[in-house]
C-alpha atoms as a PDB file:
ATOM      1  CA  MET A   1     -38.024 -24.641  -5.699  1.00  0.00           C
ATOM      2  CA  THR A   2     -41.658 -23.552  -5.824  1.00  0.00           C
ATOM      3  CA  VAL A   3     -43.731 -24.143  -8.953  1.00  0.00           C
ATOM      4  CA  THR A   4     -46.242 -21.443  -9.886  1.00  0.00           C
ATOM      5  CA  ARG A   5     -49.056 -21.065 -12.376  1.00  0.00           C
ATOM      6  CA  GLU A   6     -46.695 -19.028 -14.529  1.00  0.00           C
ATOM      7  CA  ASN A   7     -44.373 -22.047 -14.805  1.00  0.00           C
ATOM      8  CA  LEU A   8     -47.254 -24.211 -16.016  1.00  0.00           C
ATOM      9  CA  ILE A   9     -48.493 -21.549 -18.442  1.00  0.00           C
ATOM     10  CA  ARG A  10     -44.993 -21.412 -19.945  1.00  0.00           C
ATOM     11  CA  LEU A  11     -45.108 -25.209 -20.412  1.00  0.00           C
ATOM     12  CA  CYS A  12     -48.529 -24.898 -22.073  1.00  0.00           C
ATOM     13  CA  ASP A  13     -47.087 -22.399 -24.540  1.00  0.00           C
ATOM     14  CA  GLN A  14     -44.077 -24.598 -25.249  1.00  0.00           C
ATOM     15  CA  PHE A  15     -46.320 -27.583 -25.931  1.00  0.00           C
ATOM     16  CA  LEU A  16     -48.677 -25.546 -28.128  1.00  0.00           C
ATOM     17  CA  ASN A  17     -45.672 -24.245 -30.099  1.00  0.00           C
ATOM     18  CA  ASP A  18     -44.293 -27.799 -30.560  1.00  0.00           C
ATOM     19  CA  GLU A  19     -41.221 -27.000 -28.489  1.00  0.00           C
ATOM     20  CA  ILE A  20     -41.873 -29.873 -26.061  1.00  0.00           C
ATOM     21  CA  CYS A  21     -43.837 -33.108 -26.372  1.00  0.00           C
ATOM     22  CA  LYS A  22     -46.403 -34.952 -24.294  1.00  0.00           C
ATOM     23  CA  SER A  23     -43.838 -37.178 -22.583  1.00  0.00           C
ATOM     24  CA  GLU A  24     -42.010 -34.082 -21.309  1.00  0.00           C
ATOM     25  CA  ILE A  25     -45.229 -32.740 -19.782  1.00  0.00           C
ATOM     26  CA  GLU A  26     -45.890 -36.115 -18.136  1.00  0.00           C
ATOM     27  CA  SER A  27     -42.317 -36.386 -16.885  1.00  0.00           C
ATOM     28  CA  PHE A  28     -42.434 -32.857 -15.445  1.00  0.00           C
ATOM     29  CA  ALA A  29     -45.683 -33.581 -13.589  1.00  0.00           C
ATOM     30  CA  SER A  30     -44.481 -36.967 -12.345  1.00  0.00           C
ATOM     31  CA  THR A  31     -41.301 -35.410 -11.006  1.00  0.00           C
ATOM     32  CA  LEU A  32     -43.336 -32.788  -9.156  1.00  0.00           C
ATOM     33  CA  MET A  33     -45.672 -35.374  -7.647  1.00  0.00           C
ATOM     34  CA  PHE A  34     -42.840 -37.405  -6.130  1.00  0.00           C
ATOM     35  CA  SER A  35     -40.115 -34.839  -5.449  1.00  0.00           C
ATOM     36  CA  GLU A  36     -39.368 -33.618  -1.965  1.00  0.00           C
ATOM     37  CA  GLU A  37     -37.328 -30.718  -3.322  1.00  0.00           C
ATOM     38  CA  VAL A  38     -40.136 -29.137  -5.331  1.00  0.00           C
ATOM     39  CA  ASP A  39     -43.436 -27.843  -4.018  1.00  0.00           C
ATOM     40  CA  TRP A  40     -46.365 -25.642  -4.965  1.00  0.00           C
ATOM     41  CA  ASP A  41     -49.200 -23.836  -3.253  1.00  0.00           C
ATOM     42  CA  ASP A  42     -51.555 -26.650  -2.179  1.00  0.00           C
ATOM     43  CA  ASP A  43     -54.292 -24.070  -1.605  1.00  0.00           C
ATOM     44  CA  ASP A  44     -54.289 -23.276  -5.321  1.00  0.00           C
ATOM     45  CA  GLU A  45     -56.664 -26.035  -6.471  1.00  0.00           C
ATOM     46  CA  ILE A  46     -56.243 -25.246 -10.161  1.00  0.00           C
ATOM     47  CA  LEU A  47     -52.470 -25.524  -9.924  1.00  0.00           C
ATOM     48  CA  SER A  48     -52.697 -28.814  -8.005  1.00  0.00           C
ATOM     49  CA  GLU A  49     -55.352 -30.268 -10.345  1.00  0.00           C
ATOM     50  CA  THR A  50     -53.340 -29.402 -13.437  1.00  0.00           C
ATOM     51  CA  ILE A  51     -50.207 -31.090 -12.123  1.00  0.00           C
ATOM     52  CA  SER A  52     -52.228 -34.159 -11.142  1.00  0.00           C
ATOM     53  CA  GLU A  53     -53.994 -34.293 -14.526  1.00  0.00           C
ATOM     54  CA  TRP A  54     -50.704 -34.060 -16.405  1.00  0.00           C
ATOM     55  CA  ASP A  55     -49.224 -36.825 -14.271  1.00  0.00           C
ATOM     56  CA  ASN A  56     -51.694 -39.465 -15.479  1.00  0.00           C
ATOM     57  CA  GLU A  57     -53.649 -38.836 -18.659  1.00  0.00           C
ATOM     58  CA  LYS A  58     -55.075 -42.368 -18.614  1.00  0.00           C
ATOM     59  CA  ILE A  59     -57.384 -41.454 -15.732  1.00  0.00           C
ATOM     60  CA  ASN A  60     -57.662 -37.761 -16.552  1.00  0.00           C
ATOM     61  CA  PHE A  61     -57.727 -35.866 -19.851  1.00  0.00           C
ATOM     62  CA  PRO A  62     -55.607 -36.636 -22.917  1.00  0.00           C
ATOM     63  CA  ILE A  63     -52.614 -34.376 -23.339  1.00  0.00           C
ATOM     64  CA  ASN A  64     -53.250 -32.793 -26.731  1.00  0.00           C
ATOM     65  CA  LYS A  65     -53.380 -29.283 -28.174  1.00  0.00           C
ATOM     66  CA  VAL A  66     -57.096 -28.748 -27.559  1.00  0.00           C
ATOM     67  CA  ASN A  67     -56.803 -29.697 -23.910  1.00  0.00           C
ATOM     68  CA  MET A  68     -53.527 -27.836 -23.459  1.00  0.00           C
ATOM     69  CA  SER A  69     -55.279 -24.653 -24.632  1.00  0.00           C
ATOM     70  CA  LEU A  70     -57.990 -25.370 -22.061  1.00  0.00           C
ATOM     71  CA  TRP A  71     -55.466 -25.935 -19.269  1.00  0.00           C
ATOM     72  CA  LYS A  72     -53.828 -22.642 -20.177  1.00  0.00           C
ATOM     73  CA  LEU A  73     -57.214 -20.889 -20.080  1.00  0.00           C
ATOM     74  CA  ARG A  74     -57.936 -22.391 -16.666  1.00  0.00           C
ATOM     75  CA  LEU A  75     -54.512 -21.388 -15.313  1.00  0.00           C
ATOM     76  CA  GLU A  76     -54.772 -17.838 -16.669  1.00  0.00           C
ATOM     77  CA  LYS A  77     -58.445 -17.011 -16.154  1.00  0.00           C
ATOM     78  CA  ASN A  78     -59.888 -19.658 -13.795  1.00  0.00           C
ATOM     79  CA  VAL A  79     -62.252 -20.795 -16.577  1.00  0.00           C
ATOM     80  CA  ASP A  80     -62.563 -24.576 -16.631  1.00  0.00           C
ATOM     81  CA  GLN A  81     -63.977 -26.109 -19.835  1.00  0.00           C
ATOM     82  CA  LEU A  82     -62.135 -29.434 -19.735  1.00  0.00           C
ATOM     83  CA  LEU A  83     -65.252 -31.467 -18.972  1.00  0.00           C
ATOM     84  CA  ASP A  84     -67.138 -29.756 -21.816  1.00  0.00           C
ATOM     85  CA  TYR A  85     -64.472 -30.936 -24.262  1.00  0.00           C
ATOM     86  CA  ASN A  86     -63.844 -34.382 -22.765  1.00  0.00           C
ATOM     87  CA  SER A  87     -66.933 -35.864 -21.094  1.00  0.00           C
ATOM     88  CA  TRP A  88     -70.048 -36.866 -23.002  1.00  0.00           C
ATOM     89  CA  ASN A  89     -71.922 -37.413 -19.728  1.00  0.00           C
ATOM     90  CA  HIS A  90     -71.233 -33.814 -18.749  1.00  0.00           C
ATOM     91  CA  HIS A  91     -73.714 -32.813 -21.491  1.00  0.00           C
ATOM     92  CA  ILE A  92     -76.582 -35.160 -20.530  1.00  0.00           C
ATOM     93  CA  GLU A  93     -78.422 -32.642 -18.339  1.00  0.00           C
ATOM     94  CA  LYS A  94     -78.046 -29.981 -21.042  1.00  0.00           C
ATOM     95  CA  GLN A  95     -79.583 -32.405 -23.554  1.00  0.00           C
ATOM     96  CA  LYS A  96     -82.527 -33.024 -21.247  1.00  0.00           C
ATOM     97  CA  GLU A  97     -83.020 -29.272 -20.750  1.00  0.00           C
ATOM     98  CA  ILE A  98     -83.075 -28.691 -24.537  1.00  0.00           C
ATOM     99  CA  CYS A  99     -85.628 -31.485 -24.984  1.00  0.00           C
ATOM    100  CA  LEU A 100     -87.818 -30.055 -22.228  1.00  0.00           C
ATOM    101  CA  LYS A 101     -87.523 -26.558 -23.709  1.00  0.00           C
ATOM    102  CA  TYR A 102     -88.639 -27.780 -27.140  1.00  0.00           C
ATOM    103  CA  ASN A 103     -91.252 -30.232 -25.853  1.00  0.00           C
ATOM    104  CA  THR A 104     -89.813 -33.511 -27.074  1.00  0.00           C
ATOM    105  CA  LYS A 105     -88.679 -36.695 -25.408  1.00  0.00           C
ATOM    106  CA  TRP A 106     -85.013 -37.138 -24.687  1.00  0.00           C
ATOM    107  CA  SER A 107     -83.624 -39.616 -27.243  1.00  0.00           C
ATOM    108  CA  PRO A 108     -79.914 -40.031 -26.510  1.00  0.00           C
ATOM    109  CA  ILE A 109     -77.524 -41.487 -29.051  1.00  0.00           C
ATOM    110  CA  ASN A 110     -74.655 -43.898 -28.624  1.00  0.00           C
ATOM    111  CA  TYR A 111     -71.632 -41.621 -28.794  1.00  0.00           C
ATOM    112  CA  LYS A 112     -69.517 -44.461 -30.192  1.00  0.00           C
ATOM    113  CA  LEU A 113     -71.626 -44.441 -33.391  1.00  0.00           C
ATOM    114  CA  LYS A 114     -71.163 -42.141 -36.380  1.00  0.00           C
ATOM    115  CA  VAL A 115     -72.667 -38.793 -37.284  1.00  0.00           C
ATOM    116  CA  GLY A 116     -72.491 -37.341 -40.786  1.00  0.00           C
ATOM    117  CA  VAL A 117     -70.577 -34.048 -40.864  1.00  0.00           C
ATOM    118  CA  SER A 118     -69.592 -31.548 -43.529  1.00  0.00           C
ATOM    119  CA  THR A 119     -65.903 -30.813 -43.873  1.00  0.00           C
ATOM    120  CA  ASP A 120     -66.000 -27.508 -41.975  1.00  0.00           C
ATOM    121  CA  LEU A 121     -67.478 -27.561 -38.488  1.00  0.00           C
ATOM    122  CA  LYS A 122     -65.543 -24.483 -37.355  1.00  0.00           C
ATOM    123  CA  SER A 123     -67.691 -22.073 -39.392  1.00  0.00           C
ATOM    124  CA  ASP A 124     -71.003 -20.650 -38.255  1.00  0.00           C
ATOM    125  CA  PRO A 125     -73.871 -21.131 -38.278  1.00  0.00           C
ATOM    126  CA  LEU A 126     -74.114 -24.889 -37.826  1.00  0.00           C
ATOM    127  CA  ASN A 127     -77.144 -26.879 -38.935  1.00  0.00           C
ATOM    128  CA  GLY A 128     -78.158 -30.254 -37.573  1.00  0.00           C
ATOM    129  CA  LYS A 129     -80.866 -32.682 -38.600  1.00  0.00           C
ATOM    130  CA  ARG A 130     -81.806 -36.014 -37.070  1.00  0.00           C
ATOM    131  CA  GLU A 131     -83.097 -38.775 -39.286  1.00  0.00           C
ATOM    132  CA  LYS A 132     -83.864 -42.379 -38.477  1.00  0.00           C
ATOM    133  CA  ALA A 133     -80.758 -44.246 -37.314  1.00  0.00           C
ATOM    134  CA  GLU A 134     -79.230 -47.003 -39.378  1.00  0.00           C
ATOM    135  CA  SER A 135     -76.710 -49.672 -38.443  1.00  0.00           C
ATOM    136  CA  GLY A 136     -73.641 -47.921 -36.996  1.00  0.00           C
ATOM    137  CA  ILE A 137     -75.049 -44.447 -37.658  1.00  0.00           C
ATOM    138  CA  THR A 138     -76.893 -42.177 -35.209  1.00  0.00           C
ATOM    139  CA  GLY A 139     -79.051 -40.468 -37.832  1.00  0.00           C
ATOM    140  CA  TRP A 140     -77.559 -37.041 -37.096  1.00  0.00           C
ATOM    141  CA  TYR A 141     -76.216 -34.879 -39.933  1.00  0.00           C
ATOM    142  CA  ILE A 142     -74.381 -31.656 -39.103  1.00  0.00           C
ATOM    143  CA  TRP A 143     -73.139 -29.051 -41.575  1.00  0.00           C
ATOM    144  CA  SER A 144     -72.078 -25.460 -42.005  1.00  0.00           C
ATOM    145  CA  GLY A 145     -72.844 -23.264 -44.980  1.00  0.00           C
ATOM    146  CA  ALA A 146     -75.205 -24.227 -47.766  1.00  0.00           C
ATOM    147  CA  TYR A 147     -76.548 -27.782 -47.793  1.00  0.00           C
ATOM    148  CA  ASP A 148     -75.405 -29.900 -50.709  1.00  0.00           C
ATOM    149  CA  ASP A 149     -76.975 -33.213 -51.731  1.00  0.00           C
ATOM    150  CA  LYS A 150     -73.759 -34.610 -53.240  1.00  0.00           C
ATOM    151  CA  ASP A 151     -72.945 -38.117 -52.062  1.00  0.00           C
ATOM    152  CA  ASP A 152     -69.675 -36.990 -50.467  1.00  0.00           C
ATOM    153  CA  PHE A 153     -71.032 -33.874 -48.704  1.00  0.00           C
ATOM    154  CA  PHE A 154     -71.205 -35.725 -45.370  1.00  0.00           C
ATOM    155  CA  GLN A 155     -68.276 -37.645 -43.954  1.00  0.00           C
ATOM    156  CA  PRO A 156     -68.665 -40.141 -41.092  1.00  0.00           C
ATOM    157  CA  LEU A 157     -67.302 -39.074 -37.720  1.00  0.00           C
ATOM    158  CA  CYS A 158     -67.592 -40.867 -34.402  1.00  0.00           C
ATOM    159  CA  ALA A 159     -69.991 -38.716 -32.356  1.00  0.00           C
ATOM    160  CA  GLU A 160     -67.650 -38.523 -29.356  1.00  0.00           C
ATOM    161  CA  HIS A 161     -65.068 -36.679 -31.494  1.00  0.00           C
ATOM    162  CA  LEU A 162     -67.460 -33.718 -31.628  1.00  0.00           C
ATOM    163  CA  LEU A 163     -66.449 -33.055 -28.018  1.00  0.00           C
ATOM    164  CA  GLN A 164     -63.020 -31.806 -29.070  1.00  0.00           C
ATOM    165  CA  ILE A 165     -64.299 -30.009 -32.185  1.00  0.00           C
ATOM    166  CA  ARG A 166     -67.542 -28.245 -31.153  1.00  0.00           C
ATOM    167  CA  PRO A 167     -68.758 -29.419 -27.729  1.00  0.00           C
ATOM    168  CA  GLU A 168     -71.644 -26.948 -27.797  1.00  0.00           C
ATOM    169  CA  ILE A 169     -73.320 -29.199 -30.401  1.00  0.00           C
ATOM    170  CA  ILE A 170     -73.660 -32.119 -27.971  1.00  0.00           C
ATOM    171  CA  LYS A 171     -76.596 -30.597 -26.096  1.00  0.00           C
ATOM    172  CA  TYR A 172     -78.765 -30.910 -29.239  1.00  0.00           C
ATOM    173  CA  LEU A 173     -78.004 -34.565 -29.912  1.00  0.00           C
ATOM    174  CA  GLY A 174     -80.702 -35.835 -27.537  1.00  0.00           C
ATOM    175  CA  LEU A 175     -83.459 -34.335 -29.698  1.00  0.00           C
ATOM    176  CA  ASP A 176     -85.834 -36.859 -31.262  1.00  0.00           C
ATOM    177  CA  ILE A 177     -85.981 -37.967 -34.908  1.00  0.00           C
ATOM    178  CA  GLY A 178     -87.187 -35.192 -37.213  1.00  0.00           C
ATOM    179  CA  PHE A 179     -85.772 -32.337 -35.166  1.00  0.00           C
ATOM    180  CA  ARG A 180     -83.397 -29.764 -36.564  1.00  0.00           C
ATOM    181  CA  PHE A 181     -81.244 -27.094 -34.995  1.00  0.00           C
ATOM    182  CA  LEU A 182     -79.422 -23.981 -36.132  1.00  0.00           C
ATOM    183  CA  MET A 183     -76.830 -22.464 -33.797  1.00  0.00           C
ATOM    184  CA  ASP A 184     -73.697 -20.364 -33.671  1.00  0.00           C
ATOM    185  CA  LYS A 185     -70.873 -19.502 -31.284  1.00  0.00           C
ATOM    186  CA  ASP A 186     -72.552 -16.212 -30.315  1.00  0.00           C
ATOM    187  CA  GLY A 187     -75.483 -17.993 -28.680  1.00  0.00           C
ATOM    188  CA  TYR A 188     -78.019 -17.945 -31.518  1.00  0.00           C
ATOM    189  CA  GLU A 189     -80.292 -20.980 -31.335  1.00  0.00           C
ATOM    190  CA  ASP A 190     -83.286 -22.203 -33.304  1.00  0.00           C
ATOM    191  CA  VAL A 191     -84.752 -25.685 -32.844  1.00  0.00           C
ATOM    192  CA  TRP A 192     -87.774 -27.065 -34.663  1.00  0.00           C
ATOM    193  CA  LEU A 193     -89.505 -30.249 -35.761  1.00  0.00           C
ATOM    194  CA  ASP A 194     -89.120 -30.611 -39.520  1.00  0.00           C
ATOM    195  CA  ILE A 195     -92.298 -32.343 -40.695  1.00  0.00           C
ATOM    196  CA  THR A 196     -91.529 -32.110 -44.434  1.00  0.00           C
END
């Protein structure tokens, strides 16, 4: 039996539709890795990488719906965004480029600390503002829609979780205290130092 991209795409769809679970994906990949009766085109790097990544999520990417959508995209269109959605360090150079572009020093945050976020980060445009950090908090506040000064407008979220929600935000999080940004999914970007 020869496994093809189409077989893996079908598994992606089944997982995304809750027809199979993570353990079934792992079991499938493990069987492929160690079976002498099943093979695949070793020259197809995307096919081989996907099987390998599914075989061991502890050293690769978590098997979840966000990543499964990304694996499907990679299998169908050769577009690989898995690092964007899973590796903070993948965004470091982008942060430095943004800081250089807007003439400020690079001031990285600890991605294990919290950012304040509004309840809807899927809507556009997104606003971000960096204030002075406090204990356990980065100083970043990110929101969509109209700003509200209610006490419960911002909810704490570990910064690294932004990777799986809106990874395009990460490149702004190296901006220094006092900076703001406004961006959307269509590529609009405005960054400025808020001196008020």
